[in-house]
Amino acid sequence: MGERPHYTIVIEPLSDEDGGGFLATVPDLPGCMSDGETEFEAVQNIQDAVACWIEAAEENHRPVPAPSYIRRAAAAG
């Protein structure tokens, strides 16, 4: 198995009403999100979520999108 591409991760603080901490999402992978008490923990957790998202897509024979920065480069090329 080859190396996985690197996806852009968006980190946002969660309000105290939402439990505090940080939310991590991957815009290129719909529904792929995780959280953590710190930004670092949120990034660690989203990396696991990305791996699980890709694994589930492959098991269900769904396409795994390339990261958007790769798609933009290919379109410009």
PDB file of N, CA and C in Angstrom:
ATOM      1  N   MET A   1       0.849  -1.174   0.000  1.00  0.00           N
ATOM      2  CA  MET A   1       0.000   0.000   0.000  1.00  0.00           C
ATOM      3  C   MET A   1       0.890   1.230   0.000  1.00  0.00           C
ATOM      4  N   GLY A   2       0.592   2.225  -0.869  1.00  0.00           N
ATOM      5  CA  GLY A   2       1.394   3.432  -0.977  1.00  0.00           C
ATOM      6  C   GLY A   2       1.075   4.427   0.115  1.00  0.00           C
ATOM      7  N   GLU A   3       1.860   5.486   0.113  1.00  0.00           N
ATOM      8  CA  GLU A   3       1.647   6.546   1.086  1.00  0.00           C
ATOM      9  C   GLU A   3       0.367   7.294   0.754  1.00  0.00           C
ATOM     10  N   ARG A   4      -0.387   7.636   1.778  1.00  0.00           N
ATOM     11  CA  ARG A   4      -1.641   8.365   1.581  1.00  0.00           C
ATOM     12  C   ARG A   4      -1.347   9.836   1.326  1.00  0.00           C
ATOM     13  N   PRO A   5      -2.179  10.491   0.501  1.00  0.00           N
ATOM     14  CA  PRO A   5      -1.996  11.930   0.293  1.00  0.00           C
ATOM     15  C   PRO A   5      -2.313  12.695   1.573  1.00  0.00           C
ATOM     16  N   HIS A   6      -1.811  13.887   1.647  1.00  0.00           N
ATOM     17  CA  HIS A   6      -2.063  14.737   2.817  1.00  0.00           C
ATOM     18  C   HIS A   6      -3.233  15.662   2.516  1.00  0.00           C
ATOM     19  N   TYR A   7      -4.234  15.600   3.352  1.00  0.00           N
ATOM     20  CA  TYR A   7      -5.424  16.422   3.193  1.00  0.00           C
ATOM     21  C   TYR A   7      -5.340  17.659   4.086  1.00  0.00           C
ATOM     22  N   THR A   8      -5.957  18.748   3.616  1.00  0.00           N
ATOM     23  CA  THR A   8      -6.044  19.958   4.413  1.00  0.00           C
ATOM     24  C   THR A   8      -6.976  19.715   5.590  1.00  0.00           C
ATOM     25  N   ILE A   9      -6.529  20.120   6.774  1.00  0.00           N
ATOM     26  CA  ILE A   9      -7.307  19.984   8.005  1.00  0.00           C
ATOM     27  C   ILE A   9      -7.689  21.383   8.470  1.00  0.00           C
ATOM     28  N   VAL A  10      -8.953  21.570   8.813  1.00  0.00           N
ATOM     29  CA  VAL A  10      -9.434  22.839   9.337  1.00  0.00           C
ATOM     30  C   VAL A  10      -9.719  22.644  10.829  1.00  0.00           C
ATOM     31  N   ILE A  11      -9.106  23.494  11.654  1.00  0.00           N
ATOM     32  CA  ILE A  11      -9.283  23.426  13.108  1.00  0.00           C
ATOM     33  C   ILE A  11     -10.064  24.658  13.550  1.00  0.00           C
ATOM     34  N   GLU A  12     -11.125  24.433  14.309  1.00  0.00           N
ATOM     35  CA  GLU A  12     -11.952  25.530  14.817  1.00  0.00           C
ATOM     36  C   GLU A  12     -12.216  25.312  16.303  1.00  0.00           C
ATOM     37  N   PRO A  13     -12.184  26.388  17.075  1.00  0.00           N
ATOM     38  CA  PRO A  13     -12.520  26.232  18.493  1.00  0.00           C
ATOM     39  C   PRO A  13     -14.007  25.933  18.662  1.00  0.00           C
ATOM     40  N   LEU A  14     -14.319  25.114  19.638  1.00  0.00           N
ATOM     41  CA  LEU A  14     -15.712  24.820  19.978  1.00  0.00           C
ATOM     42  C   LEU A  14     -16.119  25.732  21.132  1.00  0.00           C
ATOM     43  N   SER A  15     -17.350  26.163  21.122  1.00  0.00           N
ATOM     44  CA  SER A  15     -17.846  27.018  22.208  1.00  0.00           C
ATOM     45  C   SER A  15     -17.957  26.201  23.492  1.00  0.00           C
ATOM     46  N   ASP A  16     -18.004  26.904  24.600  1.00  0.00           N
ATOM     47  CA  ASP A  16     -18.203  26.227  25.882  1.00  0.00           C
ATOM     48  C   ASP A  16     -19.521  25.457  25.885  1.00  0.00           C
ATOM     49  N   GLU A  17     -20.529  25.996  25.182  1.00  0.00           N
ATOM     50  CA  GLU A  17     -21.830  25.326  25.084  1.00  0.00           C
ATOM     51  C   GLU A  17     -21.703  23.978  24.372  1.00  0.00           C
ATOM     52  N   ASP A  18     -20.741  23.884  23.454  1.00  0.00           N
ATOM     53  CA  ASP A  18     -20.505  22.641  22.719  1.00  0.00           C
ATOM     54  C   ASP A  18     -19.465  21.760  23.397  1.00  0.00           C
ATOM     55  N   GLY A  19     -19.059  22.132  24.589  1.00  0.00           N
ATOM     56  CA  GLY A  19     -18.129  21.308  25.344  1.00  0.00           C
ATOM     57  C   GLY A  19     -16.689  21.797  25.316  1.00  0.00           C
ATOM     58  N   GLY A  20     -16.421  22.879  24.583  1.00  0.00           N
ATOM     59  CA  GLY A  20     -15.072  23.418  24.506  1.00  0.00           C
ATOM     60  C   GLY A  20     -14.175  22.541  23.668  1.00  0.00           C
ATOM     61  N   GLY A  21     -12.905  22.868  23.626  1.00  0.00           N
ATOM     62  CA  GLY A  21     -11.949  22.120  22.827  1.00  0.00           C
ATOM     63  C   GLY A  21     -11.949  22.603  21.395  1.00  0.00           C
ATOM     64  N   PHE A  22     -11.599  21.705  20.493  1.00  0.00           N
ATOM     65  CA  PHE A  22     -11.428  22.068  19.090  1.00  0.00           C
ATOM     66  C   PHE A  22     -12.044  21.014  18.179  1.00  0.00           C
ATOM     67  N   LEU A  23     -12.621  21.485  17.085  1.00  0.00           N
ATOM     68  CA  LEU A  23     -13.200  20.625  16.060  1.00  0.00           C
ATOM     69  C   LEU A  23     -12.236  20.599  14.879  1.00  0.00           C
ATOM     70  N   ALA A  24     -11.959  19.427  14.366  1.00  0.00           N
ATOM     71  CA  ALA A  24     -11.118  19.253  13.183  1.00  0.00           C
ATOM     72  C   ALA A  24     -11.964  18.635  12.080  1.00  0.00           C
ATOM     73  N   THR A  25     -11.911  19.233  10.890  1.00  0.00           N
ATOM     74  CA  THR A  25     -12.630  18.697   9.737  1.00  0.00           C
ATOM     75  C   THR A  25     -11.688  18.615   8.543  1.00  0.00           C
ATOM     76  N   VAL A  26     -12.058  17.774   7.579  1.00  0.00           N
ATOM     77  CA  VAL A  26     -11.304  17.637   6.335  1.00  0.00           C
ATOM     78  C   VAL A  26     -12.292  17.924   5.204  1.00  0.00           C
ATOM     79  N   PRO A  27     -12.260  19.149   4.665  1.00  0.00           N
ATOM     80  CA  PRO A  27     -13.252  19.537   3.653  1.00  0.00           C
ATOM     81  C   PRO A  27     -13.310  18.618   2.436  1.00  0.00           C
ATOM     82  N   ASP A  28     -12.190  17.993   2.065  1.00  0.00           N
ATOM     83  CA  ASP A  28     -12.178  17.126   0.888  1.00  0.00           C
ATOM     84  C   ASP A  28     -12.855  15.773   1.128  1.00  0.00           C
ATOM     85  N   LEU A  29     -13.094  15.422   2.394  1.00  0.00           N
ATOM     86  CA  LEU A  29     -13.708  14.138   2.731  1.00  0.00           C
ATOM     87  C   LEU A  29     -15.014  14.413   3.475  1.00  0.00           C
ATOM     88  N   PRO A  30     -16.136  14.452   2.778  1.00  0.00           N
ATOM     89  CA  PRO A  30     -17.410  14.817   3.394  1.00  0.00           C
ATOM     90  C   PRO A  30     -17.716  14.000   4.651  1.00  0.00           C
ATOM     91  N   GLY A  31     -18.034  14.722   5.718  1.00  0.00           N
ATOM     92  CA  GLY A  31     -18.404  14.073   6.969  1.00  0.00           C
ATOM     93  C   GLY A  31     -17.227  13.660   7.822  1.00  0.00           C
ATOM     94  N   CYS A  32     -16.009  13.862   7.356  1.00  0.00           N
ATOM     95  CA  CYS A  32     -14.828  13.456   8.116  1.00  0.00           C
ATOM     96  C   CYS A  32     -14.509  14.537   9.145  1.00  0.00           C
ATOM     97  N   MET A  33     -14.692  14.211  10.405  1.00  0.00           N
ATOM     98  CA  MET A  33     -14.456  15.177  11.472  1.00  0.00           C
ATOM     99  C   MET A  33     -14.091  14.466  12.763  1.00  0.00           C
ATOM    100  N   SER A  34     -13.453  15.209  13.637  1.00  0.00           N
ATOM    101  CA  SER A  34     -13.119  14.717  14.968  1.00  0.00           C
ATOM    102  C   SER A  34     -12.916  15.931  15.858  1.00  0.00           C
ATOM    103  N   ASP A  35     -12.606  15.693  17.099  1.00  0.00           N
ATOM    104  CA  ASP A  35     -12.362  16.811  18.001  1.00  0.00           C
ATOM    105  C   ASP A  35     -11.294  16.431  19.015  1.00  0.00           C
ATOM    106  N   GLY A  36     -10.965  17.377  19.862  1.00  0.00           N
ATOM    107  CA  GLY A  36      -9.986  17.138  20.904  1.00  0.00           C
ATOM    108  C   GLY A  36      -9.988  18.292  21.892  1.00  0.00           C
ATOM    109  N   GLU A  37      -9.430  18.048  23.058  1.00  0.00           N
ATOM    110  CA  GLU A  37      -9.364  19.100  24.070  1.00  0.00           C
ATOM    111  C   GLU A  37      -8.387  20.199  23.658  1.00  0.00           C
ATOM    112  N   THR A  38      -7.350  19.838  22.900  1.00  0.00           N
ATOM    113  CA  THR A  38      -6.371  20.802  22.405  1.00  0.00           C
ATOM    114  C   THR A  38      -6.326  20.708  20.888  1.00  0.00           C
ATOM    115  N   GLU A  39      -5.719  21.711  20.254  1.00  0.00           N
ATOM    116  CA  GLU A  39      -5.561  21.656  18.802  1.00  0.00           C
ATOM    117  C   GLU A  39      -4.731  20.440  18.402  1.00  0.00           C
ATOM    118  N   PHE A  40      -3.673  20.172  19.155  1.00  0.00           N
ATOM    119  CA  PHE A  40      -2.816  19.024  18.873  1.00  0.00           C
ATOM    120  C   PHE A  40      -3.603  17.719  18.932  1.00  0.00           C
ATOM    121  N   GLU A  41      -4.420  17.576  19.966  1.00  0.00           N
ATOM    122  CA  GLU A  41      -5.226  16.355  20.111  1.00  0.00           C
ATOM    123  C   GLU A  41      -6.239  16.241  18.979  1.00  0.00           C
ATOM    124  N   ALA A  42      -6.820  17.360  18.571  1.00  0.00           N
ATOM    125  CA  ALA A  42      -7.782  17.338  17.467  1.00  0.00           C
ATOM    126  C   ALA A  42      -7.105  16.885  16.175  1.00  0.00           C
ATOM    127  N   VAL A  43      -5.869  17.342  15.935  1.00  0.00           N
ATOM    128  CA  VAL A  43      -5.134  16.931  14.734  1.00  0.00           C
ATOM    129  C   VAL A  43      -4.815  15.444  14.794  1.00  0.00           C
ATOM    130  N   GLN A  44      -4.378  14.960  15.947  1.00  0.00           N
ATOM    131  CA  GLN A  44      -4.100  13.525  16.078  1.00  0.00           C
ATOM    132  C   GLN A  44      -5.358  12.714  15.804  1.00  0.00           C
ATOM    133  N   ASN A  45      -6.478  13.148  16.373  1.00  0.00           N
ATOM    134  CA  ASN A  45      -7.731  12.417  16.210  1.00  0.00           C
ATOM    135  C   ASN A  45      -8.233  12.455  14.771  1.00  0.00           C
ATOM    136  N   ILE A  46      -8.064  13.588  14.084  1.00  0.00           N
ATOM    137  CA  ILE A  46      -8.561  13.661  12.708  1.00  0.00           C
ATOM    138  C   ILE A  46      -7.720  12.788  11.793  1.00  0.00           C
ATOM    139  N   GLN A  47      -6.457  12.602  12.103  1.00  0.00           N
ATOM    140  CA  GLN A  47      -5.633  11.709  11.283  1.00  0.00           C
ATOM    141  C   GLN A  47      -6.172  10.282  11.343  1.00  0.00           C
ATOM    142  N   ASP A  48      -6.617   9.855  12.516  1.00  0.00           N
ATOM    143  CA  ASP A  48      -7.267   8.544  12.630  1.00  0.00           C
ATOM    144  C   ASP A  48      -8.576   8.522  11.854  1.00  0.00           C
ATOM    145  N   ALA A  49      -9.334   9.624  11.934  1.00  0.00           N
ATOM    146  CA  ALA A  49     -10.622   9.693  11.243  1.00  0.00           C
ATOM    147  C   ALA A  49     -10.431   9.633   9.728  1.00  0.00           C
ATOM    148  N   VAL A  50      -9.382  10.281   9.218  1.00  0.00           N
ATOM    149  CA  VAL A  50      -9.091  10.237   7.773  1.00  0.00           C
ATOM    150  C   VAL A  50      -8.803   8.802   7.350  1.00  0.00           C
ATOM    151  N   ALA A  51      -7.976   8.107   8.116  1.00  0.00           N
ATOM    152  CA  ALA A  51      -7.644   6.716   7.782  1.00  0.00           C
ATOM    153  C   ALA A  51      -8.904   5.852   7.768  1.00  0.00           C
ATOM    154  N   CYS A  52      -9.772   6.053   8.751  1.00  0.00           N
ATOM    155  CA  CYS A  52     -11.026   5.275   8.812  1.00  0.00           C
ATOM    156  C   CYS A  52     -11.957   5.647   7.659  1.00  0.00           C
ATOM    157  N   TRP A  53     -12.020   6.933   7.311  1.00  0.00           N
ATOM    158  CA  TRP A  53     -12.871   7.381   6.215  1.00  0.00           C
ATOM    159  C   TRP A  53     -12.431   6.706   4.920  1.00  0.00           C
ATOM    160  N   ILE A  54     -11.125   6.742   4.652  1.00  0.00           N
ATOM    161  CA  ILE A  54     -10.601   6.147   3.422  1.00  0.00           C
ATOM    162  C   ILE A  54     -10.819   4.641   3.413  1.00  0.00           C
ATOM    163  N   GLU A  55     -10.574   3.991   4.535  1.00  0.00           N
ATOM    164  CA  GLU A  55     -10.771   2.545   4.620  1.00  0.00           C
ATOM    165  C   GLU A  55     -12.220   2.166   4.336  1.00  0.00           C
ATOM    166  N   ALA A  56     -13.156   2.915   4.925  1.00  0.00           N
ATOM    167  CA  ALA A  56     -14.576   2.627   4.704  1.00  0.00           C
ATOM    168  C   ALA A  56     -14.955   2.861   3.245  1.00  0.00           C
ATOM    169  N   ALA A  57     -14.437   3.926   2.647  1.00  0.00           N
ATOM    170  CA  ALA A  57     -14.740   4.198   1.232  1.00  0.00           C
ATOM    171  C   ALA A  57     -14.227   3.068   0.354  1.00  0.00           C
ATOM    172  N   GLU A  58     -13.003   2.618   0.608  1.00  0.00           N
ATOM    173  CA  GLU A  58     -12.434   1.540  -0.200  1.00  0.00           C
ATOM    174  C   GLU A  58     -13.211   0.237  -0.017  1.00  0.00           C
ATOM    175  N   GLU A  59     -13.604  -0.077   1.216  1.00  0.00           N
ATOM    176  CA  GLU A  59     -14.375  -1.302   1.471  1.00  0.00           C
ATOM    177  C   GLU A  59     -15.720  -1.280   0.771  1.00  0.00           C
ATOM    178  N   ASN A  60     -16.287  -0.064   0.633  1.00  0.00           N
ATOM    179  CA  ASN A  60     -17.597   0.075  -0.012  1.00  0.00           C
ATOM    180  C   ASN A  60     -17.490   0.466  -1.478  1.00  0.00           C
ATOM    181  N   HIS A  61     -16.276   0.359  -2.031  1.00  0.00           N
ATOM    182  CA  HIS A  61     -16.022   0.645  -3.450  1.00  0.00           C
ATOM    183  C   HIS A  61     -16.487   2.038  -3.852  1.00  0.00           C
ATOM    184  N   ARG A  62     -16.301   2.995  -2.934  1.00  0.00           N
ATOM    185  CA  ARG A  62     -16.592   4.401  -3.229  1.00  0.00           C
ATOM    186  C   ARG A  62     -15.273   5.098  -3.565  1.00  0.00           C
ATOM    187  N   PRO A  63     -15.324   6.103  -4.413  1.00  0.00           N
ATOM    188  CA  PRO A  63     -14.087   6.812  -4.765  1.00  0.00           C
ATOM    189  C   PRO A  63     -13.539   7.594  -3.578  1.00  0.00           C
ATOM    190  N   VAL A  64     -12.216   7.669  -3.509  1.00  0.00           N
ATOM    191  CA  VAL A  64     -11.537   8.481  -2.502  1.00  0.00           C
ATOM    192  C   VAL A  64     -11.001   9.692  -3.240  1.00  0.00           C
ATOM    193  N   PRO A  65     -11.541  10.881  -2.949  1.00  0.00           N
ATOM    194  CA  PRO A  65     -11.095  12.057  -3.692  1.00  0.00           C
ATOM    195  C   PRO A  65      -9.647  12.412  -3.371  1.00  0.00           C
ATOM    196  N   ALA A  66      -8.960  12.904  -4.388  1.00  0.00           N
ATOM    197  CA  ALA A  66      -7.622  13.440  -4.170  1.00  0.00           C
ATOM    198  C   ALA A  66      -7.770  14.747  -3.404  1.00  0.00           C
ATOM    199  N   PRO A  67      -6.750  15.126  -2.657  1.00  0.00           N
ATOM    200  CA  PRO A  67      -6.811  16.432  -1.982  1.00  0.00           C
ATOM    201  C   PRO A  67      -7.034  17.545  -3.006  1.00  0.00           C
ATOM    202  N   SER A  68      -7.766  18.577  -2.623  1.00  0.00           N
ATOM    203  CA  SER A  68      -8.129  19.639  -3.557  1.00  0.00           C
ATOM    204  C   SER A  68      -6.908  20.342  -4.142  1.00  0.00           C
ATOM    205  N   TYR A  69      -5.817  20.469  -3.394  1.00  0.00           N
ATOM    206  CA  TYR A  69      -4.645  21.138  -3.960  1.00  0.00           C
ATOM    207  C   TYR A  69      -4.051  20.312  -5.103  1.00  0.00           C
ATOM    208  N   ILE A  70      -4.198  19.004  -5.082  1.00  0.00           N
ATOM    209  CA  ILE A  70      -3.718  18.154  -6.187  1.00  0.00           C
ATOM    210  C   ILE A  70      -4.667  18.293  -7.379  1.00  0.00           C
ATOM    211  N   ARG A  71      -5.961  18.334  -7.109  1.00  0.00           N
ATOM    212  CA  ARG A  71      -6.926  18.494  -8.198  1.00  0.00           C
ATOM    213  C   ARG A  71      -6.736  19.840  -8.891  1.00  0.00           C
ATOM    214  N   ARG A  72      -6.463  20.911  -8.124  1.00  0.00           N
ATOM    215  CA  ARG A  72      -6.251  22.238  -8.728  1.00  0.00           C
ATOM    216  C   ARG A  72      -4.996  22.215  -9.596  1.00  0.00           C
ATOM    217  N   ALA A  73      -3.937  21.585  -9.120  1.00  0.00           N
ATOM    218  CA  ALA A  73      -2.687  21.529  -9.883  1.00  0.00           C
ATOM    219  C   ALA A  73      -2.887  20.756 -11.184  1.00  0.00           C
ATOM    220  N   ALA A  74      -3.637  19.660 -11.120  1.00  0.00           N
ATOM    221  CA  ALA A  74      -3.884  18.849 -12.319  1.00  0.00           C
ATOM    222  C   ALA A  74      -4.709  19.634 -13.331  1.00  0.00           C
ATOM    223  N   ALA A  75      -5.678  20.408 -12.853  1.00  0.00           N
ATOM    224  CA  ALA A  75      -6.527  21.191 -13.750  1.00  0.00           C
ATOM    225  C   ALA A  75      -5.743  22.315 -14.408  1.00  0.00           C
ATOM    226  N   ALA A  76      -4.771  22.858 -13.679  1.00  0.00           N
ATOM    227  CA  ALA A  76      -3.977  23.971 -14.212  1.00  0.00           C
ATOM    228  C   ALA A  76      -2.887  23.476 -15.158  1.00  0.00           C
ATOM    229  N   GLY A  77      -2.502  22.185 -14.989  1.00  0.00           N
ATOM    230  CA  GLY A  77      -1.373  21.614 -15.696  1.00  0.00           C
ATOM    231  C   GLY A  77      -1.508  21.489 -17.130  1.00  0.00           C
TER     232      GLY A  77
END
